[in-house]
Amino acid sequence: MKKALFLVMCLLISAFGISASAAEKPADFVEGDGKSYELMVSTQLADSNPYCQGFYALAKRVDERTGGKMTVKVFPSAQLGSDEDVIEQAIQGVNVAVVTDAGRMANYVKDMGIVGMAYFADNYDEIMKVQQTAFWKECVKKLAEENGIRVLSFNWFDGARHFLTNKPVRKPEDLNGVRIRTPGAPAWSRSVAALGATPVTMGWNDVYTAVQQKAIDGCEAQHSASYGLRVYEILKYINKTAHFQLLNGLIVGESWFSTLPEPYRDLLVEEFEKQGKITAAEVIEKSDVFESMMVKEGMEVVEVDLAAFKKAAEAAYEELGFAEQRKAIYKEIGKE
C-alpha cells in the first residue's frame, strides 16, 4: 500500500512539474534544438537612438520566446567596428547582425543602390511599396544566393536626412566647395556631389572631431543621429533638404543564419520585421521633437529651394545608370 501511494505521489509531482514548466512558457514559445545561440547587433548609432531602444525590446522578446536559448546583444556606437568591416565579418560567418542601408548593399547588388538615391522616395510608405515589387525581391534573393548576405528585415526607417553646416544653404550652389561627410557608397556620395557638395567618407562617430579640426565643413544626417552625436555643439544650421529618406535593414551572414534551427530563423525574421515597424512609427513621431531640441540648443532651421535640389539630383541618376530603372519602379508602385 505504501509503495503504491509513493508511486502515485511521484506521478503527481512529475505531472505538476511538467504542468508548471508548460505554464511558464509564453503562448508564442519557439522550440529550438536544445542548443544555445547568440546574435550580436552592431550599429554606429548611439545607445539613446530609437533603433537601439528597439533592439533592446526585441532582444527581450526573443529571450522570452526561446527560454533564453536565443539571445540578442546590442553593441551601439560602432563598438564592433565600422559598418563595412562588420558586414565583412558577417559574410565570413560571425554571429553578428549589422544595421545597413541600400546604398551599402549596392556594393554587392548594384541595383539596390537606387533606393538610397536622393529624392527617390518622398516618405516611408512609398519605400514600403517598393519592397513589394519584383525588383526588390530579386535584389534580396541575389544578396543571399550570390553574396552570402541574409536580410532579416529592411523596414527600419530613420527619417529624412538634411545638410548640417555652419553657413546657411538654400540652393545647390550654396554647397559648392563645402566638404560634407556622407557614407562612401556610390548612391550616397554621387547624390551628395550632384546636390553641390564635396562628399567626404568617414565613420559617423568621427564627424564631431572632424568638424572641430576643420577636416570637413559639415555632414548630412537624420535628426535622431544628429541629436545623438550632439552636432548642435559644432554646427549651426539645419538645412531642410530631406534629400534621403533613410531606410535601413538588418543583415546577417547566410553561413551563420543557416546553422540556426529553422524555428529560430523564422523567429528572427518575424521579430526584426515587427520591431522595424514599431521603431519606424516612433521615429516619424519623434522627428520634430529632435529638431526642436536642436533648435533649443542654438541651431537654426533653413528652408531650402526644394525644386532646385530635386532638379540637381537628376545628374546622379544619369551618372549611375538608374534613370530608366527608376521609371520602371515608379510604374510598378503607381507613382507618377
Protein backbone atom coordinates (compact mmCIF):
# COMPACT_ATOMS: atom_id res chain seq x y z
CA MET A 1 0.00 0.00 0.00
CA LYS A 2 2.77 2.40 0.93
CA LYS A 3 4.61 1.54 -2.27
CA ALA A 4 1.53 2.25 -4.38
CA LEU A 5 0.95 5.54 -2.58
CA PHE A 6 4.58 6.53 -3.16
CA LEU A 7 4.26 5.83 -6.90
CA VAL A 8 1.07 7.90 -7.12
CA MET A 9 2.77 10.80 -5.34
CA CYS A 10 5.75 10.61 -7.72
CA LEU A 11 3.44 10.66 -10.71
CA LEU A 12 1.55 13.66 -9.32
CA ILE A 13 4.76 15.56 -8.61
CA SER A 14 6.04 14.76 -12.08
CA ALA A 15 2.79 15.83 -13.71
CA PHE A 16 2.73 19.04 -11.66
CA GLY A 17 6.30 19.79 -12.68
CA ILE A 18 5.51 19.36 -16.36
CA SER A 19 2.37 21.47 -16.00
CA ALA A 20 4.26 24.22 -14.17
CA SER A 21 7.02 24.18 -16.75
CA ALA A 22 4.48 24.46 -19.56
CA ALA A 23 2.72 27.32 -17.76
CA GLU A 24 5.96 29.27 -17.57
CA LYS A 25 6.38 29.23 -21.33
CA PRO A 26 4.68 32.05 -23.29
CA ALA A 27 1.95 31.15 -25.74
CA ASP A 28 4.25 32.03 -28.63
CA PHE A 29 7.18 29.98 -27.30
CA VAL A 30 9.55 28.78 -30.02
CA GLU A 31 11.21 25.39 -29.60
CA GLY A 32 14.73 25.01 -30.96
CA ASP A 33 17.13 22.10 -30.91
CA GLY A 34 18.17 22.44 -27.28
CA LYS A 35 21.35 24.36 -28.10
CA SER A 36 22.01 27.99 -27.20
CA TYR A 37 22.62 30.69 -29.81
CA GLU A 38 23.72 34.32 -29.61
CA LEU A 39 23.36 37.19 -32.08
CA MET A 40 25.26 40.46 -31.70
CA VAL A 41 23.67 43.57 -33.23
CA SER A 42 26.15 46.20 -34.43
CA THR A 43 25.34 49.84 -35.17
CA GLN A 44 27.17 53.17 -35.32
CA LEU A 45 24.19 54.83 -33.64
CA ALA A 46 24.29 55.95 -30.01
CA ASP A 47 22.62 53.92 -27.28
CA SER A 48 19.92 56.59 -26.87
CA ASN A 49 18.85 56.26 -30.51
CA PRO A 50 15.34 54.82 -31.11
CA TYR A 51 16.94 51.97 -33.07
CA CYS A 52 18.94 50.79 -30.08
CA GLN A 53 15.93 51.03 -27.81
CA GLY A 54 14.07 48.93 -30.37
CA PHE A 55 16.83 46.33 -30.36
CA TYR A 56 16.63 46.04 -26.58
CA ALA A 57 12.87 45.47 -26.76
CA LEU A 58 13.36 42.89 -29.49
CA ALA A 59 16.10 41.13 -27.51
CA LYS A 60 13.80 40.79 -24.51
CA ARG A 61 11.05 39.20 -26.60
CA VAL A 62 13.45 36.77 -28.30
CA ASP A 63 14.85 35.73 -24.92
CA GLU A 64 11.37 35.13 -23.51
CA ARG A 65 10.12 33.25 -26.57
CA THR A 66 13.07 30.84 -26.57
CA GLY A 67 13.52 30.40 -22.85
CA GLY A 68 16.94 32.05 -23.09
CA LYS A 69 18.18 29.72 -25.82
CA MET A 70 18.47 32.57 -28.35
CA THR A 71 19.98 35.78 -27.02
CA VAL A 72 20.41 39.11 -28.79
CA LYS A 73 23.07 41.54 -27.56
CA VAL A 74 23.28 45.17 -28.71
CA PHE A 75 26.57 46.96 -29.47
CA PRO A 76 25.97 50.68 -30.19
CA SER A 77 28.40 53.47 -31.15
CA ALA A 78 30.47 51.25 -33.51
CA GLN A 79 31.84 49.15 -30.63
CA LEU A 80 32.40 46.25 -33.02
CA GLY A 81 33.93 48.40 -35.79
CA SER A 82 32.80 50.26 -38.89
CA ASP A 83 29.71 49.03 -40.72
CA GLU A 84 31.78 47.94 -43.70
CA ASP A 85 34.14 45.88 -41.53
CA VAL A 86 31.32 44.22 -39.60
CA ILE A 87 29.43 43.40 -42.80
CA GLU A 88 32.50 41.50 -44.00
CA GLN A 89 32.69 39.72 -40.65
CA ALA A 90 29.05 38.69 -41.03
CA ILE A 91 29.71 37.31 -44.51
CA GLN A 92 32.60 35.29 -43.09
CA GLY A 93 30.26 33.63 -40.58
CA VAL A 94 30.49 35.76 -37.43
CA ASN A 95 27.23 35.77 -35.43
CA VAL A 96 26.59 39.46 -35.95
CA ALA A 97 23.74 41.49 -37.44
CA VAL A 98 24.57 44.88 -38.94
CA VAL A 99 22.43 47.96 -39.39
CA THR A 100 22.91 48.86 -43.04
CA ASP A 101 21.24 50.66 -45.93
CA ALA A 102 20.52 50.12 -49.61
CA GLY A 103 23.48 52.28 -50.59
CA ARG A 104 25.95 49.98 -48.85
CA MET A 105 24.16 46.88 -50.10
CA ALA A 106 24.65 48.20 -53.63
CA ASN A 107 28.31 47.25 -53.20
CA TYR A 108 27.03 43.68 -53.51
CA VAL A 109 23.88 44.05 -55.64
CA LYS A 110 24.28 47.25 -57.65
CA ASP A 111 20.59 47.78 -58.43
CA MET A 112 19.72 48.14 -54.74
CA GLY A 113 21.53 51.46 -54.72
CA ILE A 114 18.60 53.21 -56.35
CA VAL A 115 16.64 53.08 -53.08
CA GLY A 116 19.39 55.16 -51.47
CA MET A 117 19.44 57.85 -54.16
CA ALA A 118 18.46 61.45 -53.48
CA TYR A 119 14.72 62.10 -53.74
CA PHE A 120 13.95 58.54 -54.82
CA ALA A 121 11.03 58.43 -52.37
CA ASP A 122 9.03 61.06 -50.54
CA ASN A 123 8.13 59.09 -47.42
CA TYR A 124 8.26 55.76 -45.58
CA ASP A 125 5.05 54.38 -47.04
CA GLU A 126 6.38 54.87 -50.55
CA ILE A 127 9.55 52.92 -49.78
CA MET A 128 7.49 50.11 -48.27
CA LYS A 129 5.60 49.83 -51.57
CA VAL A 130 8.94 49.34 -53.33
CA GLN A 131 9.67 46.36 -51.09
CA GLN A 132 6.64 44.58 -52.51
CA THR A 133 7.95 44.81 -56.06
CA ALA A 134 9.55 42.00 -58.05
CA PHE A 135 12.58 44.27 -58.40
CA TRP A 136 13.23 44.41 -54.66
CA LYS A 137 12.54 40.73 -54.05
CA GLU A 138 15.05 39.80 -56.74
CA CYS A 139 17.68 42.05 -55.14
CA VAL A 140 17.19 40.38 -51.74
CA LYS A 141 17.45 36.97 -53.37
CA LYS A 142 20.74 37.92 -55.05
CA LEU A 143 22.15 39.15 -51.74
CA ALA A 144 21.57 35.73 -50.18
CA GLU A 145 22.40 33.42 -53.07
CA GLU A 146 25.29 35.29 -54.68
CA ASN A 147 26.80 37.28 -51.80
CA GLY A 148 26.12 35.34 -48.60
CA ILE A 149 24.03 38.13 -47.05
CA ARG A 150 20.68 37.33 -45.43
CA VAL A 151 18.21 40.19 -44.93
CA LEU A 152 16.34 39.84 -41.63
CA SER A 153 14.26 42.93 -42.33
CA PHE A 154 14.60 46.14 -44.33
CA ASN A 155 11.82 48.23 -42.86
CA TRP A 156 13.75 50.23 -40.25
CA PHE A 157 13.13 53.89 -41.10
CA ASP A 158 15.22 56.67 -39.59
CA GLY A 159 13.63 59.68 -41.22
CA ALA A 160 14.76 62.28 -43.73
CA ARG A 161 18.37 63.38 -43.93
CA HIS A 162 19.35 67.05 -44.11
CA PHE A 163 22.57 69.01 -44.58
CA LEU A 164 24.07 70.37 -41.36
CA THR A 165 26.55 73.21 -41.82
CA ASN A 166 27.99 76.38 -40.35
CA LYS A 167 26.60 78.54 -43.14
CA PRO A 168 23.01 78.64 -44.43
CA VAL A 169 22.25 76.55 -47.51
CA ARG A 170 19.19 77.44 -49.58
CA LYS A 171 20.12 76.21 -53.06
CA PRO A 172 22.61 73.71 -54.52
CA GLU A 173 25.09 76.45 -55.38
CA ASP A 174 25.46 77.24 -51.66
CA LEU A 175 27.12 73.83 -51.23
CA ASN A 176 29.88 74.46 -53.74
CA GLY A 177 33.23 73.69 -52.10
CA VAL A 178 31.54 72.57 -48.86
CA ARG A 179 33.04 69.29 -47.60
CA ILE A 180 30.22 67.10 -46.34
CA ARG A 181 30.59 63.79 -44.57
CA THR A 182 28.49 61.07 -46.14
CA PRO A 183 28.70 57.27 -46.37
CA GLY A 184 31.02 56.10 -49.14
CA ALA A 185 28.57 54.04 -51.22
CA PRO A 186 28.15 55.49 -54.74
CA ALA A 187 24.39 56.09 -54.35
CA TRP A 188 25.11 58.37 -51.40
CA SER A 189 28.33 60.06 -52.46
CA ARG A 190 27.30 60.72 -56.07
CA SER A 191 23.94 62.08 -54.93
CA VAL A 192 25.61 64.45 -52.48
CA ALA A 193 28.03 65.58 -55.21
CA ALA A 194 25.13 66.19 -57.60
CA LEU A 195 23.47 68.35 -54.95
CA GLY A 196 26.55 70.59 -54.98
CA ALA A 197 28.73 69.45 -52.07
CA THR A 198 32.10 67.68 -51.92
CA PRO A 199 31.43 64.24 -50.36
CA VAL A 200 33.90 63.00 -47.75
CA THR A 201 33.73 59.42 -46.48
CA MET A 202 34.35 58.70 -42.79
CA GLY A 203 32.72 56.95 -39.87
CA TRP A 204 29.77 58.73 -38.30
CA ASN A 205 31.40 58.85 -34.88
CA ASP A 206 34.40 60.69 -36.38
CA VAL A 207 32.25 63.62 -37.55
CA TYR A 208 32.35 65.62 -34.33
CA THR A 209 36.16 65.75 -34.18
CA ALA A 210 36.49 66.19 -37.95
CA VAL A 211 34.35 69.35 -37.86
CA GLN A 212 36.33 70.70 -34.91
CA GLN A 213 39.59 70.07 -36.78
CA LYS A 214 38.10 71.56 -39.99
CA ALA A 215 38.68 68.34 -41.92
CA ILE A 216 35.06 68.67 -43.04
CA ASP A 217 32.62 71.59 -43.12
CA GLY A 218 29.53 69.67 -42.15
CA CYS A 219 27.56 66.50 -42.60
CA GLU A 220 24.21 65.19 -43.77
CA ALA A 221 22.12 63.12 -41.41
CA GLN A 222 18.73 62.34 -39.93
CA HIS A 223 17.60 64.18 -36.81
CA SER A 224 17.86 61.25 -34.39
CA ALA A 225 21.53 60.66 -35.30
CA SER A 226 22.35 64.38 -35.35
CA TYR A 227 20.97 64.91 -31.88
CA GLY A 228 22.63 61.75 -30.58
CA LEU A 229 26.03 62.95 -31.78
CA ARG A 230 25.41 66.43 -30.32
CA VAL A 231 26.14 68.15 -33.64
CA TYR A 232 24.40 71.23 -32.25
CA GLU A 233 27.63 71.90 -30.35
CA ILE A 234 29.71 72.21 -33.55
CA LEU A 235 27.28 73.13 -36.36
CA LYS A 236 24.79 75.96 -36.62
CA TYR A 237 22.31 75.28 -39.43
CA ILE A 238 19.80 72.53 -40.21
CA ASN A 239 19.19 72.95 -43.93
CA LYS A 240 15.87 71.13 -44.61
CA THR A 241 16.75 69.39 -47.87
CA ALA A 242 15.25 65.99 -46.92
CA HIS A 243 17.34 64.58 -49.77
CA PHE A 244 17.44 60.99 -48.47
CA GLN A 245 14.59 59.07 -46.87
CA LEU A 246 16.78 56.82 -44.75
CA LEU A 247 15.66 53.22 -44.92
CA ASN A 248 17.80 50.75 -43.04
CA GLY A 249 17.93 47.00 -42.82
CA LEU A 250 19.40 44.35 -40.55
CA ILE A 251 21.55 41.75 -42.28
CA VAL A 252 23.42 38.66 -41.12
CA GLY A 253 25.73 36.27 -42.89
CA GLU A 254 23.96 33.48 -44.76
CA SER A 255 26.53 30.96 -43.49
CA TRP A 256 25.71 31.72 -39.82
CA PHE A 257 21.98 32.02 -40.43
CA SER A 258 21.87 28.56 -42.00
CA THR A 259 23.27 27.00 -38.79
CA LEU A 260 20.18 28.02 -36.79
CA PRO A 261 17.23 25.68 -36.29
CA GLU A 262 14.50 26.70 -38.74
CA PRO A 263 12.15 27.90 -35.96
CA TYR A 264 14.85 30.32 -34.77
CA ARG A 265 15.44 31.58 -38.31
CA ASP A 266 11.74 32.30 -38.65
CA LEU A 267 11.69 33.90 -35.20
CA LEU A 268 14.45 36.38 -36.01
CA VAL A 269 12.83 37.45 -39.28
CA GLU A 270 9.47 37.84 -37.54
CA GLU A 271 10.83 39.87 -34.62
CA PHE A 272 13.08 42.16 -36.69
CA GLU A 273 10.19 42.86 -39.08
CA LYS A 274 7.85 43.56 -36.18
CA GLN A 275 10.24 45.87 -34.36
CA GLY A 276 11.16 47.65 -37.58
CA LYS A 277 7.54 48.77 -38.00
CA ILE A 278 7.29 49.82 -34.36
CA THR A 279 10.52 51.81 -34.45
CA ALA A 280 9.68 53.45 -37.78
CA ALA A 281 6.45 54.81 -36.28
CA GLU A 282 8.35 56.12 -33.25
CA VAL A 283 11.00 57.79 -35.43
CA ILE A 284 8.37 59.54 -37.54
CA GLU A 285 6.60 60.75 -34.42
CA LYS A 286 9.80 61.96 -32.72
CA SER A 287 11.49 63.63 -35.72
CA ASP A 288 10.06 67.08 -34.97
CA VAL A 289 10.92 66.63 -31.30
CA PHE A 290 14.61 66.03 -32.09
CA GLU A 291 14.61 69.08 -34.37
CA SER A 292 13.06 71.30 -31.70
CA MET A 293 15.62 70.09 -29.16
CA MET A 294 18.47 71.01 -31.51
CA VAL A 295 16.91 74.42 -32.12
CA LYS A 296 16.66 74.86 -28.37
CA GLU A 297 20.40 74.16 -28.21
CA GLY A 298 21.08 77.02 -30.67
CA MET A 299 20.73 75.60 -34.18
CA GLU A 300 18.71 77.42 -36.86
CA VAL A 301 16.40 75.80 -39.40
CA VAL A 302 16.82 76.90 -43.01
CA GLU A 303 14.08 76.28 -45.57
CA VAL A 304 15.53 75.46 -48.99
CA ASP A 305 14.57 75.65 -52.66
CA LEU A 306 13.43 72.04 -52.81
CA ALA A 307 12.64 72.11 -56.53
CA ALA A 308 16.21 73.22 -57.29
CA PHE A 309 17.68 70.38 -55.22
CA LYS A 310 15.43 67.77 -56.85
CA LYS A 311 16.47 69.02 -60.27
CA ALA A 312 20.16 68.87 -59.32
CA ALA A 313 19.76 65.26 -58.09
CA GLU A 314 18.89 64.07 -61.60
CA ALA A 315 22.55 64.15 -62.61
CA ALA A 316 23.38 61.32 -60.20
CA TYR A 317 20.67 59.06 -61.67
CA GLU A 318 22.12 59.55 -65.14
CA GLU A 319 25.68 59.05 -63.93
CA LEU A 320 24.92 55.76 -62.15
CA GLY A 321 22.54 54.47 -64.83
CA PHE A 322 19.45 54.49 -62.62
CA ALA A 323 17.15 56.78 -64.63
CA GLU A 324 15.32 54.07 -66.58
CA GLN A 325 15.18 51.74 -63.60
CA ARG A 326 13.51 54.46 -61.54
CA LYS A 327 10.82 54.86 -64.19
CA ALA A 328 10.12 51.12 -64.14
CA ILE A 329 9.86 51.02 -60.33
CA TYR A 330 7.61 54.07 -60.22
CA LYS A 331 5.31 52.44 -62.75
CA GLU A 332 5.12 49.27 -60.65
CA ILE A 333 4.18 51.15 -57.45
CA GLY A 334 1.85 53.57 -59.23
CA LYS A 335 3.90 56.73 -58.72
CA GLU A 336 3.76 59.37 -61.44
